[in-house]
Amino acid sequence: MMPLSIRTLCLVLLSASALSLPAQAVEPRVANEHLKVYSIGGDYALYREAVEMAIIDRGIVINNVAHIGPMLSRTGADIGGEAIFLHAEALEFCSALLSRRMMEAEPHHIVFCPYVISVYELADEPGTIHLAYRRPTLLGDARSREALEVVDTLLDEIVREALAF
């Protein structure tokens, strides 16, 4: 019998965990022109991994993971303040196809790349995991707005797929 890869094992564990959880409505906690925040009860590591898998499964490479929670914890002693997060990371990535279309429509849309999805658990809300992203501002001509809407849709699909676990 061939041993399971770590990625395959994670997928199996995520799927098994998802089957044992009750179905939860997937509606944004916050939704405006600048951002969307979804919240769900559960385990941070599960949803963090689910976001990563939803990105990678689309053939998109994660460029960087910003470890925001540890950075704030590390610097908190020097600048003061209470703990904000138990866990907090931001995954940065781009779709070459969608980014090209977005920038062909308007080169100044470079500011919307990379795309970022944040996964975090607030110190004062343990057990509630938040998945959030910046929404590209729908501006410019019809071609520009359409290209930006496609990026917004991609981000929302990734988050909703991750929340399905």
N, C-alpha and C. Protein backbone atom coordinates (compact mmCIF):
# COMPACT_ATOMS: atom_id res chain seq x y z
N MET A 1 0.84 -1.18 0.00
CA MET A 1 0.00 0.00 0.00
C MET A 1 0.89 1.24 0.00
N MET A 2 0.59 2.19 -0.87
CA MET A 2 1.38 3.41 -1.00
C MET A 2 0.99 4.40 0.10
N PRO A 3 1.98 5.01 0.76
CA PRO A 3 1.65 5.98 1.81
C PRO A 3 0.98 7.23 1.22
N LEU A 4 0.11 7.83 2.02
CA LEU A 4 -0.58 9.04 1.60
C LEU A 4 0.36 10.24 1.67
N SER A 5 0.25 11.13 0.70
CA SER A 5 1.00 12.38 0.77
C SER A 5 0.38 13.24 1.85
N ILE A 6 1.13 14.20 2.36
CA ILE A 6 0.63 15.10 3.39
C ILE A 6 -0.59 15.85 2.86
N ARG A 7 -0.51 16.31 1.62
CA ARG A 7 -1.63 17.05 1.03
C ARG A 7 -2.88 16.19 0.94
N THR A 8 -2.72 14.94 0.50
CA THR A 8 -3.85 14.03 0.40
C THR A 8 -4.43 13.76 1.79
N LEU A 9 -3.57 13.56 2.76
CA LEU A 9 -4.02 13.33 4.12
C LEU A 9 -4.80 14.52 4.65
N CYS A 10 -4.31 15.73 4.37
CA CYS A 10 -5.03 16.95 4.80
C CYS A 10 -6.40 17.02 4.15
N LEU A 11 -6.47 16.68 2.87
CA LEU A 11 -7.76 16.70 2.17
C LEU A 11 -8.72 15.71 2.79
N VAL A 12 -8.24 14.52 3.10
CA VAL A 12 -9.08 13.50 3.73
C VAL A 12 -9.57 13.98 5.09
N LEU A 13 -8.67 14.55 5.89
CA LEU A 13 -9.04 15.05 7.21
C LEU A 13 -10.03 16.21 7.11
N LEU A 14 -9.79 17.12 6.16
CA LEU A 14 -10.72 18.24 5.97
C LEU A 14 -12.10 17.74 5.57
N SER A 15 -12.13 16.78 4.66
CA SER A 15 -13.41 16.24 4.21
C SER A 15 -14.14 15.53 5.34
N ALA A 16 -13.40 14.75 6.13
CA ALA A 16 -14.02 14.05 7.25
C ALA A 16 -14.55 15.04 8.28
N SER A 17 -13.78 16.09 8.53
CA SER A 17 -14.22 17.12 9.48
C SER A 17 -15.47 17.82 8.96
N ALA A 18 -15.49 18.08 7.67
CA ALA A 18 -16.64 18.78 7.08
C ALA A 18 -17.90 17.94 7.20
N LEU A 19 -17.77 16.63 7.07
CA LEU A 19 -18.94 15.76 7.16
C LEU A 19 -19.51 15.73 8.57
N SER A 20 -18.66 15.96 9.57
CA SER A 20 -19.13 15.89 10.95
C SER A 20 -19.68 17.22 11.45
N LEU A 21 -19.54 18.29 10.67
CA LEU A 21 -20.02 19.60 11.08
C LEU A 21 -21.42 19.85 10.55
N PRO A 22 -22.27 20.53 11.32
CA PRO A 22 -23.58 20.87 10.79
C PRO A 22 -23.45 21.90 9.68
N ALA A 23 -24.37 21.85 8.72
CA ALA A 23 -24.35 22.83 7.63
C ALA A 23 -24.61 24.22 8.19
N GLN A 24 -23.86 25.19 7.73
CA GLN A 24 -24.02 26.56 8.20
C GLN A 24 -24.27 27.46 7.00
N ALA A 25 -25.12 28.45 7.19
CA ALA A 25 -25.41 29.39 6.12
C ALA A 25 -24.15 30.16 5.76
N VAL A 26 -23.97 30.41 4.49
CA VAL A 26 -22.80 31.14 4.04
C VAL A 26 -23.26 32.52 3.55
N GLU A 27 -23.37 33.41 4.49
CA GLU A 27 -23.71 34.80 4.18
C GLU A 27 -22.63 35.69 4.78
N PRO A 28 -22.25 36.74 4.08
CA PRO A 28 -21.21 37.60 4.63
C PRO A 28 -21.66 38.28 5.92
N ARG A 29 -20.73 38.38 6.85
CA ARG A 29 -20.97 39.12 8.09
C ARG A 29 -20.91 40.62 7.80
N VAL A 30 -19.97 40.98 6.91
CA VAL A 30 -19.81 42.36 6.45
C VAL A 30 -19.66 42.30 4.94
N ALA A 31 -20.38 43.14 4.24
CA ALA A 31 -20.25 43.21 2.79
C ALA A 31 -20.50 44.66 2.38
N ASN A 32 -19.47 45.28 1.84
CA ASN A 32 -19.63 46.62 1.29
C ASN A 32 -18.74 46.73 0.07
N GLU A 33 -18.59 47.91 -0.47
CA GLU A 33 -17.82 48.06 -1.70
C GLU A 33 -16.33 47.82 -1.50
N HIS A 34 -15.86 47.81 -0.25
CA HIS A 34 -14.43 47.68 0.02
C HIS A 34 -13.99 46.29 0.45
N LEU A 35 -14.86 45.56 1.13
CA LEU A 35 -14.47 44.26 1.66
C LEU A 35 -15.67 43.38 1.90
N LYS A 36 -15.37 42.07 2.02
CA LYS A 36 -16.36 41.09 2.44
C LYS A 36 -15.72 40.27 3.54
N VAL A 37 -16.50 40.02 4.59
CA VAL A 37 -16.04 39.21 5.71
C VAL A 37 -17.09 38.13 5.95
N TYR A 38 -16.65 36.89 5.91
CA TYR A 38 -17.49 35.76 6.27
C TYR A 38 -16.99 35.23 7.61
N SER A 39 -17.90 34.75 8.45
CA SER A 39 -17.53 34.22 9.75
C SER A 39 -18.20 32.87 9.94
N ILE A 40 -17.45 31.96 10.58
CA ILE A 40 -17.96 30.61 10.80
C ILE A 40 -17.33 30.05 12.06
N GLY A 41 -18.08 29.28 12.79
CA GLY A 41 -17.53 28.62 13.96
C GLY A 41 -16.68 27.44 13.53
N GLY A 42 -15.56 27.24 14.20
CA GLY A 42 -14.74 26.09 13.86
C GLY A 42 -13.29 26.26 14.23
N ASP A 43 -12.47 25.48 13.56
CA ASP A 43 -11.04 25.41 13.83
C ASP A 43 -10.26 26.26 12.83
N TYR A 44 -9.40 27.13 13.33
CA TYR A 44 -8.62 28.02 12.46
C TYR A 44 -7.83 27.23 11.42
N ALA A 45 -7.10 26.20 11.85
CA ALA A 45 -6.23 25.45 10.93
C ALA A 45 -7.03 24.82 9.79
N LEU A 46 -8.22 24.36 10.09
CA LEU A 46 -9.08 23.75 9.07
C LEU A 46 -9.41 24.75 7.97
N TYR A 47 -9.88 25.93 8.37
CA TYR A 47 -10.29 26.92 7.37
C TYR A 47 -9.10 27.57 6.68
N ARG A 48 -8.00 27.70 7.38
CA ARG A 48 -6.77 28.23 6.76
C ARG A 48 -6.33 27.29 5.63
N GLU A 49 -6.32 26.00 5.92
CA GLU A 49 -5.94 24.99 4.92
C GLU A 49 -6.96 24.94 3.79
N ALA A 50 -8.24 25.08 4.11
CA ALA A 50 -9.28 25.05 3.08
C ALA A 50 -9.12 26.21 2.11
N VAL A 51 -8.77 27.40 2.60
CA VAL A 51 -8.54 28.54 1.70
C VAL A 51 -7.35 28.25 0.80
N GLU A 52 -6.27 27.76 1.38
CA GLU A 52 -5.08 27.45 0.58
C GLU A 52 -5.40 26.43 -0.50
N MET A 53 -6.14 25.40 -0.14
CA MET A 53 -6.48 24.37 -1.12
C MET A 53 -7.39 24.92 -2.21
N ALA A 54 -8.33 25.78 -1.86
CA ALA A 54 -9.24 26.36 -2.85
C ALA A 54 -8.48 27.23 -3.85
N ILE A 55 -7.43 27.87 -3.41
CA ILE A 55 -6.59 28.68 -4.31
C ILE A 55 -5.76 27.76 -5.21
N ILE A 56 -5.04 26.85 -4.61
CA ILE A 56 -4.14 25.96 -5.34
C ILE A 56 -4.90 25.07 -6.32
N ASP A 57 -6.08 24.61 -5.92
CA ASP A 57 -6.87 23.74 -6.80
C ASP A 57 -7.32 24.44 -8.08
N ARG A 58 -7.23 25.76 -8.12
CA ARG A 58 -7.54 26.52 -9.33
C ARG A 58 -6.30 26.74 -10.19
N GLY A 59 -5.19 26.14 -9.79
CA GLY A 59 -3.95 26.29 -10.54
C GLY A 59 -3.26 27.62 -10.26
N ILE A 60 -3.61 28.25 -9.16
CA ILE A 60 -3.03 29.55 -8.80
C ILE A 60 -1.98 29.34 -7.72
N VAL A 61 -0.86 30.02 -7.87
CA VAL A 61 0.24 29.93 -6.92
C VAL A 61 0.09 31.01 -5.85
N ILE A 62 0.26 30.62 -4.61
CA ILE A 62 0.27 31.59 -3.51
C ILE A 62 1.66 32.20 -3.47
N ASN A 63 1.72 33.52 -3.67
CA ASN A 63 3.00 34.23 -3.71
C ASN A 63 3.60 34.42 -2.34
N ASN A 64 2.75 34.67 -1.36
CA ASN A 64 3.24 35.02 -0.03
C ASN A 64 2.15 34.75 0.99
N VAL A 65 2.58 34.43 2.19
CA VAL A 65 1.67 34.35 3.31
C VAL A 65 2.18 35.36 4.34
N ALA A 66 1.37 36.36 4.62
CA ALA A 66 1.72 37.37 5.61
C ALA A 66 1.23 36.87 6.97
N HIS A 67 2.15 36.73 7.89
CA HIS A 67 1.85 36.23 9.23
C HIS A 67 1.55 37.42 10.14
N ILE A 68 0.36 37.96 9.98
CA ILE A 68 -0.03 39.20 10.64
C ILE A 68 -0.18 39.01 12.15
N GLY A 69 -0.82 37.94 12.56
CA GLY A 69 -1.01 37.69 13.98
C GLY A 69 0.31 37.59 14.74
N PRO A 70 1.23 36.75 14.29
CA PRO A 70 2.52 36.67 14.98
C PRO A 70 3.29 37.99 14.99
N MET A 71 3.20 38.75 13.90
CA MET A 71 3.88 40.04 13.85
C MET A 71 3.34 40.98 14.91
N LEU A 72 2.02 41.04 15.04
CA LEU A 72 1.43 41.92 16.04
C LEU A 72 1.75 41.45 17.46
N SER A 73 1.78 40.14 17.67
CA SER A 73 2.15 39.61 18.98
C SER A 73 3.60 39.94 19.31
N ARG A 74 4.46 39.78 18.33
CA ARG A 74 5.89 40.02 18.53
C ARG A 74 6.18 41.48 18.84
N THR A 75 5.47 42.38 18.20
CA THR A 75 5.74 43.81 18.37
C THR A 75 4.90 44.44 19.48
N GLY A 76 3.90 43.71 19.96
CA GLY A 76 3.00 44.25 20.98
C GLY A 76 3.69 44.70 22.24
N ALA A 77 4.70 43.96 22.65
CA ALA A 77 5.42 44.33 23.88
C ALA A 77 6.13 45.67 23.73
N ASP A 78 6.59 45.97 22.53
CA ASP A 78 7.33 47.21 22.30
C ASP A 78 6.43 48.42 22.11
N ILE A 79 5.27 48.23 21.49
CA ILE A 79 4.43 49.39 21.20
C ILE A 79 3.15 49.43 22.01
N GLY A 80 2.91 48.39 22.79
CA GLY A 80 1.75 48.37 23.67
C GLY A 80 0.51 47.88 22.97
N GLY A 81 -0.51 47.64 23.75
CA GLY A 81 -1.79 47.20 23.20
C GLY A 81 -2.11 45.78 23.58
N GLU A 82 -3.38 45.50 23.56
CA GLU A 82 -3.90 44.16 23.87
C GLU A 82 -3.81 43.26 22.65
N ALA A 83 -3.89 41.97 22.90
CA ALA A 83 -3.90 41.00 21.80
C ALA A 83 -5.16 41.22 20.95
N ILE A 84 -4.98 41.20 19.65
CA ILE A 84 -6.09 41.37 18.72
C ILE A 84 -6.53 40.02 18.17
N PHE A 85 -5.57 39.22 17.78
CA PHE A 85 -5.84 37.95 17.11
C PHE A 85 -5.26 36.77 17.89
N LEU A 86 -5.95 35.64 17.82
CA LEU A 86 -5.36 34.37 18.24
C LEU A 86 -4.53 33.83 17.08
N HIS A 87 -5.06 34.01 15.88
CA HIS A 87 -4.40 33.59 14.64
C HIS A 87 -4.77 34.61 13.57
N ALA A 88 -3.84 34.93 12.69
CA ALA A 88 -4.17 35.83 11.58
C ALA A 88 -3.11 35.72 10.49
N GLU A 89 -3.56 35.36 9.30
CA GLU A 89 -2.68 35.29 8.14
C GLU A 89 -3.41 35.86 6.93
N ALA A 90 -2.64 36.36 5.99
CA ALA A 90 -3.19 36.84 4.72
C ALA A 90 -2.46 36.11 3.60
N LEU A 91 -3.21 35.46 2.73
CA LEU A 91 -2.64 34.73 1.61
C LEU A 91 -2.71 35.61 0.37
N GLU A 92 -1.56 35.83 -0.25
CA GLU A 92 -1.47 36.70 -1.42
C GLU A 92 -1.22 35.85 -2.66
N PHE A 93 -1.97 36.15 -3.72
CA PHE A 93 -1.87 35.37 -4.95
C PHE A 93 -2.43 36.17 -6.11
N CYS A 94 -2.16 35.71 -7.32
CA CYS A 94 -2.71 36.33 -8.53
C CYS A 94 -3.04 35.25 -9.54
N SER A 95 -4.03 35.52 -10.33
CA SER A 95 -4.33 34.70 -11.48
C SER A 95 -3.73 35.43 -12.68
N ALA A 96 -2.79 34.79 -13.36
CA ALA A 96 -2.15 35.44 -14.51
C ALA A 96 -3.19 35.85 -15.55
N LEU A 97 -4.15 34.98 -15.79
CA LEU A 97 -5.18 35.27 -16.80
C LEU A 97 -6.06 36.45 -16.38
N LEU A 98 -6.59 36.41 -15.17
CA LEU A 98 -7.48 37.48 -14.74
C LEU A 98 -6.73 38.79 -14.54
N SER A 99 -5.52 38.72 -14.03
CA SER A 99 -4.74 39.94 -13.84
C SER A 99 -4.39 40.58 -15.17
N ARG A 100 -4.04 39.77 -16.16
CA ARG A 100 -3.75 40.31 -17.49
C ARG A 100 -4.98 41.01 -18.06
N ARG A 101 -6.13 40.35 -17.98
CA ARG A 101 -7.36 40.96 -18.49
C ARG A 101 -7.67 42.26 -17.77
N MET A 102 -7.48 42.25 -16.46
CA MET A 102 -7.75 43.42 -15.64
C MET A 102 -6.83 44.58 -16.05
N MET A 103 -5.55 44.28 -16.29
CA MET A 103 -4.58 45.33 -16.62
C MET A 103 -4.58 45.69 -18.09
N GLU A 104 -5.03 44.80 -18.96
CA GLU A 104 -5.23 45.18 -20.36
C GLU A 104 -6.37 46.18 -20.46
N ALA A 105 -7.39 45.99 -19.64
CA ALA A 105 -8.52 46.91 -19.63
C ALA A 105 -8.09 48.27 -19.08
N GLU A 106 -7.21 48.25 -18.08
CA GLU A 106 -6.72 49.49 -17.47
C GLU A 106 -5.42 49.18 -16.73
N PRO A 107 -4.27 49.61 -17.29
CA PRO A 107 -2.98 49.29 -16.67
C PRO A 107 -2.85 49.72 -15.21
N HIS A 108 -3.55 50.77 -14.81
CA HIS A 108 -3.47 51.25 -13.43
C HIS A 108 -4.15 50.30 -12.44
N HIS A 109 -4.83 49.29 -12.95
CA HIS A 109 -5.43 48.29 -12.07
C HIS A 109 -4.38 47.37 -11.47
N ILE A 110 -3.13 47.63 -11.78
CA ILE A 110 -2.04 46.88 -11.15
C ILE A 110 -2.15 46.95 -9.62
N VAL A 111 -2.75 48.02 -9.11
CA VAL A 111 -2.87 48.16 -7.65
C VAL A 111 -3.77 47.10 -7.02
N PHE A 112 -4.58 46.40 -7.83
CA PHE A 112 -5.45 45.36 -7.29
C PHE A 112 -4.78 43.99 -7.26
N CYS A 113 -3.52 43.93 -7.65
CA CYS A 113 -2.78 42.69 -7.67
C CYS A 113 -1.60 42.81 -6.70
N PRO A 114 -1.33 41.91 -5.83
CA PRO A 114 -1.95 40.60 -5.71
C PRO A 114 -3.30 40.67 -5.00
N TYR A 115 -4.06 39.62 -5.18
CA TYR A 115 -5.31 39.47 -4.46
C TYR A 115 -4.95 38.95 -3.07
N VAL A 116 -5.75 39.27 -2.09
CA VAL A 116 -5.45 38.86 -0.72
C VAL A 116 -6.72 38.33 -0.05
N ILE A 117 -6.60 37.16 0.54
CA ILE A 117 -7.66 36.62 1.40
C ILE A 117 -7.05 36.45 2.78
N SER A 118 -7.70 37.04 3.77
CA SER A 118 -7.23 36.94 5.15
C SER A 118 -8.07 35.90 5.90
N VAL A 119 -7.38 35.15 6.75
CA VAL A 119 -8.03 34.17 7.60
C VAL A 119 -7.58 34.51 9.02
N TYR A 120 -8.56 34.71 9.92
CA TYR A 120 -8.18 35.14 11.26
C TYR A 120 -9.21 34.75 12.30
N GLU A 121 -8.72 34.70 13.54
CA GLU A 121 -9.55 34.40 14.71
C GLU A 121 -9.24 35.49 15.74
N LEU A 122 -10.25 36.22 16.14
CA LEU A 122 -10.07 37.33 17.07
C LEU A 122 -9.85 36.81 18.49
N ALA A 123 -9.01 37.51 19.23
CA ALA A 123 -8.73 37.13 20.61
C ALA A 123 -10.00 37.15 21.45
N ASP A 124 -10.89 38.08 21.18
CA ASP A 124 -12.12 38.17 21.97
C ASP A 124 -13.30 37.39 21.37
N GLU A 125 -13.03 36.59 20.32
CA GLU A 125 -14.05 35.71 19.72
C GLU A 125 -13.45 34.36 19.39
N PRO A 126 -12.87 33.67 20.38
CA PRO A 126 -12.25 32.37 20.06
C PRO A 126 -13.28 31.40 19.50
N GLY A 127 -12.85 30.64 18.51
CA GLY A 127 -13.74 29.67 17.89
C GLY A 127 -14.52 30.20 16.71
N THR A 128 -14.48 31.50 16.48
CA THR A 128 -15.10 32.08 15.29
C THR A 128 -14.00 32.45 14.32
N ILE A 129 -14.04 31.85 13.16
CA ILE A 129 -13.02 32.07 12.14
C ILE A 129 -13.59 33.00 11.09
N HIS A 130 -12.79 33.99 10.72
CA HIS A 130 -13.20 34.98 9.72
C HIS A 130 -12.36 34.79 8.47
N LEU A 131 -13.03 34.80 7.33
CA LEU A 131 -12.38 34.77 6.02
C LEU A 131 -12.82 36.05 5.33
N ALA A 132 -11.85 36.85 4.91
CA ALA A 132 -12.17 38.17 4.37
C ALA A 132 -11.27 38.49 3.19
N TYR A 133 -11.78 39.38 2.35
CA TYR A 133 -10.96 39.85 1.23
C TYR A 133 -11.32 41.28 0.87
N ARG A 134 -10.32 41.96 0.29
CA ARG A 134 -10.54 43.31 -0.26
C ARG A 134 -11.22 43.14 -1.60
N ARG A 135 -12.23 43.94 -1.82
CA ARG A 135 -12.92 43.89 -3.10
C ARG A 135 -12.30 44.93 -4.03
N PRO A 136 -12.01 44.53 -5.27
CA PRO A 136 -11.53 45.54 -6.20
C PRO A 136 -12.63 46.56 -6.47
N THR A 137 -12.27 47.81 -6.48
CA THR A 137 -13.23 48.88 -6.74
C THR A 137 -13.66 48.80 -8.20
N LEU A 138 -14.95 48.70 -8.43
CA LEU A 138 -15.46 48.59 -9.79
C LEU A 138 -15.50 49.98 -10.41
N LEU A 139 -14.46 50.27 -11.19
CA LEU A 139 -14.34 51.60 -11.78
C LEU A 139 -13.90 51.50 -13.22
N GLY A 140 -13.91 52.61 -13.90
CA GLY A 140 -13.49 52.66 -15.30
C GLY A 140 -14.64 52.37 -16.23
N ASP A 141 -14.26 52.06 -17.47
CA ASP A 141 -15.29 51.78 -18.48
C ASP A 141 -15.88 50.38 -18.26
N ALA A 142 -16.80 49.99 -19.11
CA ALA A 142 -17.49 48.71 -18.96
C ALA A 142 -16.50 47.54 -18.97
N ARG A 143 -15.50 47.58 -19.83
CA ARG A 143 -14.51 46.51 -19.92
C ARG A 143 -13.71 46.40 -18.61
N SER A 144 -13.34 47.53 -18.05
CA SER A 144 -12.61 47.55 -16.78
C SER A 144 -13.47 46.99 -15.65
N ARG A 145 -14.69 47.46 -15.55
CA ARG A 145 -15.58 46.99 -14.49
C ARG A 145 -15.83 45.49 -14.60
N GLU A 146 -16.00 45.02 -15.82
CA GLU A 146 -16.23 43.59 -16.03
C GLU A 146 -15.03 42.77 -15.58
N ALA A 147 -13.82 43.21 -15.93
CA ALA A 147 -12.61 42.50 -15.53
C ALA A 147 -12.47 42.48 -14.00
N LEU A 148 -12.81 43.58 -13.36
CA LEU A 148 -12.72 43.66 -11.89
C LEU A 148 -13.80 42.81 -11.22
N GLU A 149 -14.98 42.75 -11.82
CA GLU A 149 -16.05 41.90 -11.28
C GLU A 149 -15.65 40.43 -11.31
N VAL A 150 -14.93 40.02 -12.35
CA VAL A 150 -14.50 38.63 -12.45
C VAL A 150 -13.52 38.31 -11.31
N VAL A 151 -12.64 39.24 -10.97
CA VAL A 151 -11.71 39.04 -9.85
C VAL A 151 -12.51 38.95 -8.54
N ASP A 152 -13.47 39.84 -8.35
CA ASP A 152 -14.29 39.82 -7.15
C ASP A 152 -15.02 38.48 -7.03
N THR A 153 -15.54 37.98 -8.13
CA THR A 153 -16.23 36.69 -8.14
C THR A 153 -15.29 35.56 -7.77
N LEU A 154 -14.06 35.58 -8.31
CA LEU A 154 -13.07 34.56 -7.98
C LEU A 154 -12.81 34.54 -6.47
N LEU A 155 -12.57 35.70 -5.89
CA LEU A 155 -12.29 35.77 -4.46
C LEU A 155 -13.46 35.23 -3.64
N ASP A 156 -14.66 35.59 -4.03
CA ASP A 156 -15.84 35.12 -3.30
C ASP A 156 -15.99 33.61 -3.45
N GLU A 157 -15.76 33.08 -4.63
CA GLU A 157 -15.86 31.63 -4.85
C GLU A 157 -14.84 30.87 -4.00
N ILE A 158 -13.62 31.38 -3.92
CA ILE A 158 -12.58 30.72 -3.11
C ILE A 158 -13.02 30.68 -1.65
N VAL A 159 -13.48 31.80 -1.13
CA VAL A 159 -13.90 31.86 0.27
C VAL A 159 -15.10 30.94 0.52
N ARG A 160 -16.08 30.99 -0.36
CA ARG A 160 -17.27 30.13 -0.17
C ARG A 160 -16.91 28.66 -0.24
N GLU A 161 -15.99 28.31 -1.14
CA GLU A 161 -15.55 26.91 -1.21
C GLU A 161 -14.87 26.50 0.09
N ALA A 162 -14.02 27.36 0.63
CA ALA A 162 -13.35 27.06 1.89
C ALA A 162 -14.35 26.93 3.03
N LEU A 163 -15.38 27.75 3.03
CA LEU A 163 -16.39 27.70 4.09
C LEU A 163 -17.24 26.42 4.02
N ALA A 164 -17.25 25.77 2.88
CA ALA A 164 -18.06 24.55 2.73
C ALA A 164 -17.51 23.39 3.53
N PHE A 165 -16.27 23.52 4.03
CA PHE A 165 -15.69 22.43 4.83
C PHE A 165 -16.22 22.44 6.23
